[in-house]
Amino acid sequence: MRYWDDFAVGQVYELGSVEITTEDIVDFAKQWDPQPFHLDDAAGRETPFHGIIASGWHTASAFMRLYVDNLLLHCKAEGGFGVDELRWLKPVRPGDVLTARATIEEVHASKTRPRGTVRLRWEMFDRHGEPVLRMYGINLFGRRPAGAEAAAD
């Protein structure tokens, strides 16, 4: 278990990868962002994107899944305060394999409660290492209770 006490500015957490398929793009778009260039390649060719692309919200959701599975579920996570500066930097296309990373930017202990906040830079990169998503999040983590061991990196 990782606690607030285990986070330090500059730490980088590699969160794994996910492949985005045409079926994923269309399924997400049908439910959450039904713009034509997310639903149909021919419609996408009529746009500046020159083909079907994933919704930016789909990309952000894919990041969140990797973040939860590969970091938050292994922490004393107690929620979040939001996302700042969400940027979709490059279109995500069918077959793209995206890799997620979280970098610790700030850590602050609560003065009154056994917890603290961590500000992270969240990023996703395509298979060429080019950034497709960047945003900043602030999460709340519990402090290590007396007798609990530090997380091994």
N, C-alpha and C. Protein backbone atom coordinates (compact mmCIF):
# COMPACT_ATOMS: atom_id res chain seq x y z
N MET A 1 0.86 -1.19 0.00
CA MET A 1 0.00 0.00 0.00
C MET A 1 0.90 1.24 0.00
N ARG A 2 0.55 2.18 -0.85
CA ARG A 2 1.29 3.44 -0.94
C ARG A 2 0.44 4.53 -0.26
N TYR A 3 1.09 5.32 0.57
CA TYR A 3 0.44 6.41 1.30
C TYR A 3 0.99 7.75 0.81
N TRP A 4 0.36 8.83 1.27
CA TRP A 4 0.84 10.17 0.91
C TRP A 4 2.34 10.29 1.20
N ASP A 5 2.77 9.73 2.31
CA ASP A 5 4.16 9.83 2.74
C ASP A 5 5.15 9.25 1.72
N ASP A 6 4.68 8.41 0.84
CA ASP A 6 5.55 7.74 -0.14
C ASP A 6 5.76 8.55 -1.41
N PHE A 7 5.05 9.65 -1.56
CA PHE A 7 5.17 10.46 -2.77
C PHE A 7 6.18 11.59 -2.57
N ALA A 8 6.98 11.85 -3.60
CA ALA A 8 7.96 12.94 -3.57
C ALA A 8 7.99 13.62 -4.94
N VAL A 9 8.22 14.91 -4.91
CA VAL A 9 8.30 15.68 -6.15
C VAL A 9 9.34 15.06 -7.08
N GLY A 10 8.96 14.91 -8.34
CA GLY A 10 9.85 14.35 -9.35
C GLY A 10 9.67 12.87 -9.62
N GLN A 11 8.98 12.16 -8.74
CA GLN A 11 8.74 10.74 -8.99
C GLN A 11 7.89 10.57 -10.25
N VAL A 12 8.21 9.54 -11.02
CA VAL A 12 7.49 9.24 -12.25
C VAL A 12 6.91 7.83 -12.14
N TYR A 13 5.65 7.70 -12.46
CA TYR A 13 4.97 6.41 -12.45
C TYR A 13 4.53 6.07 -13.87
N GLU A 14 5.09 5.00 -14.40
CA GLU A 14 4.67 4.49 -15.71
C GLU A 14 3.44 3.64 -15.46
N LEU A 15 2.37 3.93 -16.19
CA LEU A 15 1.06 3.35 -15.88
C LEU A 15 0.57 2.32 -16.89
N GLY A 16 1.42 1.93 -17.82
CA GLY A 16 1.01 0.92 -18.78
C GLY A 16 0.47 1.52 -20.06
N SER A 17 -0.01 0.64 -20.91
CA SER A 17 -0.46 1.03 -22.25
C SER A 17 -1.81 0.42 -22.58
N VAL A 18 -2.45 1.02 -23.57
CA VAL A 18 -3.73 0.53 -24.07
C VAL A 18 -3.78 0.79 -25.58
N GLU A 19 -4.31 -0.18 -26.31
CA GLU A 19 -4.53 0.01 -27.74
C GLU A 19 -5.95 0.52 -27.96
N ILE A 20 -6.07 1.53 -28.80
CA ILE A 20 -7.38 2.10 -29.11
C ILE A 20 -7.80 1.57 -30.49
N THR A 21 -8.90 0.82 -30.52
CA THR A 21 -9.38 0.23 -31.77
C THR A 21 -10.52 1.07 -32.36
N THR A 22 -10.83 0.82 -33.61
CA THR A 22 -11.97 1.48 -34.25
C THR A 22 -13.24 1.19 -33.47
N GLU A 23 -13.41 -0.06 -33.07
CA GLU A 23 -14.61 -0.44 -32.30
C GLU A 23 -14.69 0.34 -30.99
N ASP A 24 -13.55 0.49 -30.29
CA ASP A 24 -13.52 1.28 -29.05
C ASP A 24 -13.97 2.71 -29.31
N ILE A 25 -13.41 3.30 -30.39
CA ILE A 25 -13.71 4.70 -30.72
C ILE A 25 -15.20 4.88 -30.99
N VAL A 26 -15.75 4.02 -31.82
CA VAL A 26 -17.17 4.14 -32.19
C VAL A 26 -18.07 3.87 -30.99
N ASP A 27 -17.77 2.83 -30.21
CA ASP A 27 -18.60 2.52 -29.04
C ASP A 27 -18.62 3.69 -28.05
N PHE A 28 -17.45 4.26 -27.76
CA PHE A 28 -17.40 5.40 -26.84
C PHE A 28 -18.20 6.57 -27.43
N ALA A 29 -17.96 6.85 -28.71
CA ALA A 29 -18.64 7.99 -29.34
C ALA A 29 -20.15 7.84 -29.36
N LYS A 30 -20.63 6.64 -29.64
CA LYS A 30 -22.08 6.43 -29.66
C LYS A 30 -22.71 6.79 -28.33
N GLN A 31 -22.03 6.46 -27.25
CA GLN A 31 -22.60 6.72 -25.94
C GLN A 31 -22.32 8.13 -25.43
N TRP A 32 -21.15 8.68 -25.69
CA TRP A 32 -20.73 9.89 -24.98
C TRP A 32 -20.39 11.10 -25.85
N ASP A 33 -20.01 10.91 -27.10
CA ASP A 33 -19.56 12.05 -27.93
C ASP A 33 -19.83 11.75 -29.40
N PRO A 34 -21.12 11.74 -29.79
CA PRO A 34 -21.49 11.25 -31.13
C PRO A 34 -21.26 12.25 -32.27
N GLN A 35 -20.10 12.83 -32.31
CA GLN A 35 -19.76 13.68 -33.45
C GLN A 35 -19.37 12.79 -34.63
N PRO A 36 -19.70 13.19 -35.85
CA PRO A 36 -19.48 12.32 -37.01
C PRO A 36 -18.04 11.81 -37.16
N PHE A 37 -17.05 12.62 -36.87
CA PHE A 37 -15.65 12.18 -37.05
C PHE A 37 -15.19 11.20 -35.99
N HIS A 38 -16.04 10.94 -34.98
CA HIS A 38 -15.76 9.89 -34.00
C HIS A 38 -16.53 8.61 -34.33
N LEU A 39 -17.46 8.70 -35.27
CA LEU A 39 -18.35 7.58 -35.58
C LEU A 39 -18.07 6.90 -36.91
N ASP A 40 -17.46 7.63 -37.83
CA ASP A 40 -17.39 7.13 -39.20
C ASP A 40 -16.13 7.66 -39.89
N ASP A 41 -15.36 6.75 -40.48
CA ASP A 41 -14.12 7.14 -41.14
C ASP A 41 -14.39 8.07 -42.33
N ALA A 42 -15.43 7.77 -43.12
CA ALA A 42 -15.75 8.62 -44.28
C ALA A 42 -16.09 10.04 -43.83
N ALA A 43 -16.88 10.16 -42.77
CA ALA A 43 -17.21 11.49 -42.24
C ALA A 43 -15.95 12.18 -41.73
N GLY A 44 -15.07 11.42 -41.11
CA GLY A 44 -13.81 11.97 -40.61
C GLY A 44 -12.91 12.48 -41.72
N ARG A 45 -12.97 11.84 -42.89
CA ARG A 45 -12.14 12.28 -44.03
C ARG A 45 -12.57 13.65 -44.54
N GLU A 46 -13.80 14.05 -44.23
CA GLU A 46 -14.31 15.36 -44.65
C GLU A 46 -13.92 16.47 -43.68
N THR A 47 -13.12 16.15 -42.68
CA THR A 47 -12.71 17.12 -41.66
C THR A 47 -11.20 17.32 -41.74
N PRO A 48 -10.68 18.28 -40.99
CA PRO A 48 -9.23 18.45 -40.94
C PRO A 48 -8.48 17.24 -40.36
N PHE A 49 -9.21 16.29 -39.76
CA PHE A 49 -8.58 15.11 -39.17
C PHE A 49 -8.28 14.03 -40.22
N HIS A 50 -8.93 14.10 -41.38
CA HIS A 50 -8.68 13.16 -42.48
C HIS A 50 -8.94 11.70 -42.08
N GLY A 51 -9.93 11.48 -41.26
CA GLY A 51 -10.31 10.13 -40.87
C GLY A 51 -10.90 10.12 -39.47
N ILE A 52 -11.35 8.95 -39.07
CA ILE A 52 -11.94 8.79 -37.74
C ILE A 52 -10.88 8.99 -36.66
N ILE A 53 -11.27 9.65 -35.58
CA ILE A 53 -10.39 9.83 -34.43
C ILE A 53 -11.18 9.58 -33.15
N ALA A 54 -10.45 9.25 -32.09
CA ALA A 54 -11.08 9.06 -30.79
C ALA A 54 -11.47 10.41 -30.21
N SER A 55 -12.56 10.43 -29.49
CA SER A 55 -12.93 11.61 -28.71
C SER A 55 -11.83 11.89 -27.69
N GLY A 56 -11.57 13.17 -27.45
CA GLY A 56 -10.62 13.52 -26.40
C GLY A 56 -11.06 12.98 -25.05
N TRP A 57 -12.37 12.93 -24.84
CA TRP A 57 -12.90 12.38 -23.58
C TRP A 57 -12.62 10.89 -23.49
N HIS A 58 -12.61 10.21 -24.61
CA HIS A 58 -12.25 8.79 -24.65
C HIS A 58 -10.78 8.64 -24.23
N THR A 59 -9.92 9.48 -24.78
CA THR A 59 -8.50 9.43 -24.44
C THR A 59 -8.30 9.69 -22.95
N ALA A 60 -9.00 10.70 -22.41
CA ALA A 60 -8.89 11.00 -20.98
C ALA A 60 -9.41 9.84 -20.14
N SER A 61 -10.49 9.20 -20.59
CA SER A 61 -11.03 8.04 -19.87
C SER A 61 -10.06 6.86 -19.89
N ALA A 62 -9.39 6.66 -21.03
CA ALA A 62 -8.39 5.59 -21.13
C ALA A 62 -7.25 5.87 -20.15
N PHE A 63 -6.84 7.14 -20.06
CA PHE A 63 -5.81 7.49 -19.08
C PHE A 63 -6.29 7.12 -17.67
N MET A 64 -7.51 7.53 -17.34
CA MET A 64 -8.02 7.31 -15.99
C MET A 64 -8.03 5.83 -15.63
N ARG A 65 -8.40 4.98 -16.60
CA ARG A 65 -8.41 3.54 -16.33
C ARG A 65 -7.02 3.04 -15.98
N LEU A 66 -6.02 3.45 -16.75
CA LEU A 66 -4.64 3.03 -16.47
C LEU A 66 -4.15 3.59 -15.13
N TYR A 67 -4.52 4.81 -14.83
CA TYR A 67 -4.12 5.46 -13.57
C TYR A 67 -4.72 4.72 -12.37
N VAL A 68 -5.99 4.41 -12.47
CA VAL A 68 -6.65 3.68 -11.37
C VAL A 68 -6.03 2.29 -11.22
N ASP A 69 -5.95 1.54 -12.32
CA ASP A 69 -5.48 0.15 -12.24
C ASP A 69 -4.04 0.04 -11.77
N ASN A 70 -3.19 0.98 -12.18
CA ASN A 70 -1.75 0.82 -11.95
C ASN A 70 -1.17 1.72 -10.87
N LEU A 71 -2.00 2.59 -10.28
CA LEU A 71 -1.51 3.38 -9.16
C LEU A 71 -2.56 3.51 -8.06
N LEU A 72 -3.70 4.10 -8.36
CA LEU A 72 -4.66 4.41 -7.30
C LEU A 72 -5.13 3.19 -6.51
N LEU A 73 -5.35 2.06 -7.19
CA LEU A 73 -5.82 0.88 -6.45
C LEU A 73 -4.77 0.32 -5.50
N HIS A 74 -3.56 0.82 -5.60
CA HIS A 74 -2.47 0.36 -4.74
C HIS A 74 -2.10 1.43 -3.71
N CYS A 75 -2.97 2.40 -3.54
CA CYS A 75 -2.72 3.54 -2.65
C CYS A 75 -3.88 3.73 -1.68
N LYS A 76 -3.62 4.52 -0.67
CA LYS A 76 -4.68 4.98 0.23
C LYS A 76 -5.27 6.25 -0.39
N ALA A 77 -5.89 6.07 -1.57
CA ALA A 77 -6.47 7.19 -2.31
C ALA A 77 -7.80 7.58 -1.66
N GLU A 78 -8.01 8.88 -1.50
CA GLU A 78 -9.21 9.38 -0.85
C GLU A 78 -9.96 10.40 -1.70
N GLY A 79 -9.77 10.35 -3.02
CA GLY A 79 -10.53 11.23 -3.90
C GLY A 79 -9.63 12.24 -4.59
N GLY A 80 -10.28 13.12 -5.32
CA GLY A 80 -9.55 14.13 -6.08
C GLY A 80 -10.27 15.46 -6.06
N PHE A 81 -9.56 16.49 -6.50
CA PHE A 81 -10.11 17.84 -6.50
C PHE A 81 -10.32 18.39 -7.91
N GLY A 82 -10.08 17.57 -8.92
CA GLY A 82 -10.33 18.03 -10.27
C GLY A 82 -9.12 17.93 -11.16
N VAL A 83 -9.29 18.46 -12.36
CA VAL A 83 -8.28 18.42 -13.40
C VAL A 83 -8.08 19.84 -13.92
N ASP A 84 -6.83 20.22 -14.11
CA ASP A 84 -6.49 21.52 -14.67
C ASP A 84 -5.79 21.33 -16.01
N GLU A 85 -5.96 22.30 -16.87
CA GLU A 85 -5.21 22.40 -18.11
C GLU A 85 -5.29 21.15 -18.99
N LEU A 86 -6.46 20.58 -19.12
CA LEU A 86 -6.65 19.42 -19.99
C LEU A 86 -6.37 19.82 -21.43
N ARG A 87 -5.44 19.12 -22.08
CA ARG A 87 -5.08 19.41 -23.47
C ARG A 87 -5.03 18.13 -24.27
N TRP A 88 -5.72 18.14 -25.41
CA TRP A 88 -5.62 17.06 -26.38
C TRP A 88 -4.64 17.55 -27.43
N LEU A 89 -3.45 16.98 -27.45
CA LEU A 89 -2.33 17.52 -28.21
C LEU A 89 -2.21 16.97 -29.63
N LYS A 90 -2.79 15.80 -29.85
CA LYS A 90 -2.68 15.15 -31.15
C LYS A 90 -3.85 14.17 -31.27
N PRO A 91 -4.46 14.06 -32.46
CA PRO A 91 -5.56 13.10 -32.61
C PRO A 91 -5.11 11.66 -32.34
N VAL A 92 -6.00 10.91 -31.72
CA VAL A 92 -5.77 9.49 -31.47
C VAL A 92 -6.57 8.73 -32.52
N ARG A 93 -5.89 7.82 -33.22
CA ARG A 93 -6.49 7.10 -34.34
C ARG A 93 -6.58 5.60 -34.05
N PRO A 94 -7.43 4.90 -34.79
CA PRO A 94 -7.52 3.44 -34.60
C PRO A 94 -6.14 2.79 -34.73
N GLY A 95 -5.86 1.89 -33.81
CA GLY A 95 -4.58 1.18 -33.81
C GLY A 95 -3.51 1.86 -32.98
N ASP A 96 -3.76 3.10 -32.55
CA ASP A 96 -2.76 3.76 -31.70
C ASP A 96 -2.64 3.02 -30.37
N VAL A 97 -1.42 2.85 -29.93
CA VAL A 97 -1.13 2.29 -28.62
C VAL A 97 -0.66 3.46 -27.76
N LEU A 98 -1.42 3.73 -26.71
CA LEU A 98 -1.13 4.88 -25.84
C LEU A 98 -0.52 4.41 -24.54
N THR A 99 0.51 5.11 -24.10
CA THR A 99 1.19 4.82 -22.85
C THR A 99 0.97 5.99 -21.90
N ALA A 100 0.63 5.67 -20.65
CA ALA A 100 0.31 6.70 -19.66
C ALA A 100 1.44 6.86 -18.64
N ARG A 101 1.58 8.10 -18.18
CA ARG A 101 2.61 8.42 -17.18
C ARG A 101 2.05 9.47 -16.22
N ALA A 102 2.40 9.34 -14.96
CA ALA A 102 2.06 10.34 -13.94
C ALA A 102 3.35 10.80 -13.27
N THR A 103 3.54 12.11 -13.19
CA THR A 103 4.74 12.69 -12.58
C THR A 103 4.30 13.57 -11.42
N ILE A 104 4.92 13.37 -10.26
CA ILE A 104 4.58 14.16 -9.07
C ILE A 104 5.16 15.56 -9.22
N GLU A 105 4.28 16.57 -9.10
CA GLU A 105 4.69 17.97 -9.22
C GLU A 105 4.76 18.67 -7.86
N GLU A 106 3.82 18.35 -6.96
CA GLU A 106 3.77 18.98 -5.64
C GLU A 106 3.19 17.99 -4.63
N VAL A 107 3.62 18.09 -3.40
CA VAL A 107 3.02 17.34 -2.29
C VAL A 107 2.83 18.30 -1.12
N HIS A 108 1.66 18.20 -0.48
CA HIS A 108 1.35 19.07 0.66
C HIS A 108 0.63 18.26 1.72
N ALA A 109 1.12 18.29 2.94
CA ALA A 109 0.47 17.60 4.05
C ALA A 109 -0.63 18.48 4.62
N SER A 110 -1.73 17.85 5.04
CA SER A 110 -2.77 18.56 5.75
C SER A 110 -2.23 18.93 7.14
N LYS A 111 -2.59 20.11 7.59
CA LYS A 111 -2.16 20.54 8.92
C LYS A 111 -3.09 20.03 10.02
N THR A 112 -4.27 19.54 9.61
CA THR A 112 -5.26 19.15 10.62
C THR A 112 -5.76 17.72 10.51
N ARG A 113 -5.44 17.03 9.41
CA ARG A 113 -5.96 15.67 9.20
C ARG A 113 -4.84 14.73 8.75
N PRO A 114 -5.04 13.44 8.93
CA PRO A 114 -4.00 12.46 8.53
C PRO A 114 -4.03 12.15 7.04
N ARG A 115 -3.80 13.17 6.24
CA ARG A 115 -3.80 13.03 4.77
C ARG A 115 -3.00 14.15 4.17
N GLY A 116 -2.89 14.10 2.85
CA GLY A 116 -2.22 15.17 2.13
C GLY A 116 -2.62 15.15 0.67
N THR A 117 -2.25 16.22 -0.04
CA THR A 117 -2.57 16.30 -1.46
C THR A 117 -1.30 16.09 -2.28
N VAL A 118 -1.53 15.58 -3.48
CA VAL A 118 -0.46 15.37 -4.45
C VAL A 118 -0.95 15.94 -5.78
N ARG A 119 -0.16 16.86 -6.35
CA ARG A 119 -0.46 17.39 -7.68
C ARG A 119 0.41 16.64 -8.67
N LEU A 120 -0.24 16.09 -9.71
CA LEU A 120 0.45 15.27 -10.69
C LEU A 120 0.27 15.82 -12.10
N ARG A 121 1.29 15.66 -12.91
CA ARG A 121 1.17 15.90 -14.35
C ARG A 121 0.85 14.55 -14.97
N TRP A 122 -0.29 14.47 -15.64
CA TRP A 122 -0.73 13.23 -16.28
C TRP A 122 -0.52 13.38 -17.78
N GLU A 123 0.08 12.36 -18.39
CA GLU A 123 0.36 12.42 -19.82
C GLU A 123 0.09 11.08 -20.47
N MET A 124 -0.25 11.15 -21.76
CA MET A 124 -0.33 9.95 -22.60
C MET A 124 0.47 10.22 -23.87
N PHE A 125 1.14 9.17 -24.34
CA PHE A 125 2.00 9.25 -25.50
C PHE A 125 1.61 8.16 -26.50
N ASP A 126 1.78 8.46 -27.79
CA ASP A 126 1.53 7.43 -28.79
C ASP A 126 2.77 6.54 -28.92
N ARG A 127 2.72 5.57 -29.81
CA ARG A 127 3.81 4.60 -29.95
C ARG A 127 5.11 5.23 -30.42
N HIS A 128 5.05 6.46 -30.92
CA HIS A 128 6.25 7.17 -31.36
C HIS A 128 6.80 8.07 -30.24
N GLY A 129 6.16 8.03 -29.07
CA GLY A 129 6.60 8.85 -27.96
C GLY A 129 6.09 10.28 -28.02
N GLU A 130 5.19 10.56 -28.96
CA GLU A 130 4.64 11.91 -29.08
C GLU A 130 3.46 12.06 -28.13
N PRO A 131 3.37 13.20 -27.44
CA PRO A 131 2.27 13.39 -26.49
C PRO A 131 0.94 13.59 -27.21
N VAL A 132 -0.08 12.92 -26.70
CA VAL A 132 -1.44 13.08 -27.22
C VAL A 132 -2.38 13.71 -26.20
N LEU A 133 -1.99 13.68 -24.92
CA LEU A 133 -2.83 14.20 -23.83
C LEU A 133 -1.92 14.71 -22.72
N ARG A 134 -2.30 15.85 -22.14
CA ARG A 134 -1.63 16.34 -20.93
C ARG A 134 -2.67 17.04 -20.07
N MET A 135 -2.63 16.78 -18.79
CA MET A 135 -3.50 17.44 -17.82
C MET A 135 -2.85 17.33 -16.45
N TYR A 136 -3.35 18.11 -15.52
CA TYR A 136 -2.83 18.10 -14.16
C TYR A 136 -3.98 17.76 -13.22
N GLY A 137 -3.71 16.86 -12.28
CA GLY A 137 -4.72 16.46 -11.32
C GLY A 137 -4.21 16.63 -9.90
N ILE A 138 -5.13 16.84 -8.99
CA ILE A 138 -4.80 16.90 -7.57
C ILE A 138 -5.59 15.81 -6.87
N ASN A 139 -4.86 14.91 -6.23
CA ASN A 139 -5.49 13.81 -5.50
C ASN A 139 -5.19 13.91 -4.02
N LEU A 140 -6.07 13.33 -3.26
CA LEU A 140 -5.96 13.28 -1.80
C LEU A 140 -5.58 11.86 -1.41
N PHE A 141 -4.56 11.73 -0.57
CA PHE A 141 -4.09 10.42 -0.11
C PHE A 141 -3.97 10.43 1.41
N GLY A 142 -4.31 9.28 2.01
CA GLY A 142 -4.16 9.14 3.45
C GLY A 142 -2.69 9.01 3.83
N ARG A 143 -2.37 9.44 5.06
CA ARG A 143 -1.02 9.30 5.60
C ARG A 143 -0.82 7.88 6.09
N ARG A 144 0.43 7.47 6.21
CA ARG A 144 0.77 6.13 6.68
C ARG A 144 0.47 6.04 8.17
N PRO A 145 -0.32 5.04 8.55
CA PRO A 145 -0.59 4.85 9.98
C PRO A 145 0.66 4.34 10.70
N ALA A 146 0.72 4.56 11.97
CA ALA A 146 1.85 4.08 12.76
C ALA A 146 1.99 2.57 12.57
N GLY A 147 3.19 2.13 12.31
CA GLY A 147 3.47 0.71 12.15
C GLY A 147 3.35 0.18 10.73
N ALA A 148 2.78 0.97 9.82
CA ALA A 148 2.67 0.52 8.42
C ALA A 148 3.98 0.73 7.71
N GLU A 149 4.38 -0.23 6.89
CA GLU A 149 5.65 -0.15 6.17
C GLU A 149 5.53 0.77 4.97
N ALA A 150 6.68 1.36 4.61
CA ALA A 150 6.74 2.21 3.41
C ALA A 150 6.59 1.34 2.17
N ALA A 151 6.05 1.93 1.11
CA ALA A 151 5.89 1.23 -0.15
C ALA A 151 7.24 0.98 -0.79
N ALA A 152 7.40 -0.17 -1.39
CA ALA A 152 8.63 -0.48 -2.12
C ALA A 152 8.44 -0.05 -3.57
N ASP A 153 9.43 0.64 -4.11
CA ASP A 153 9.31 1.08 -5.52
C ASP A 153 9.88 0.08 -6.46
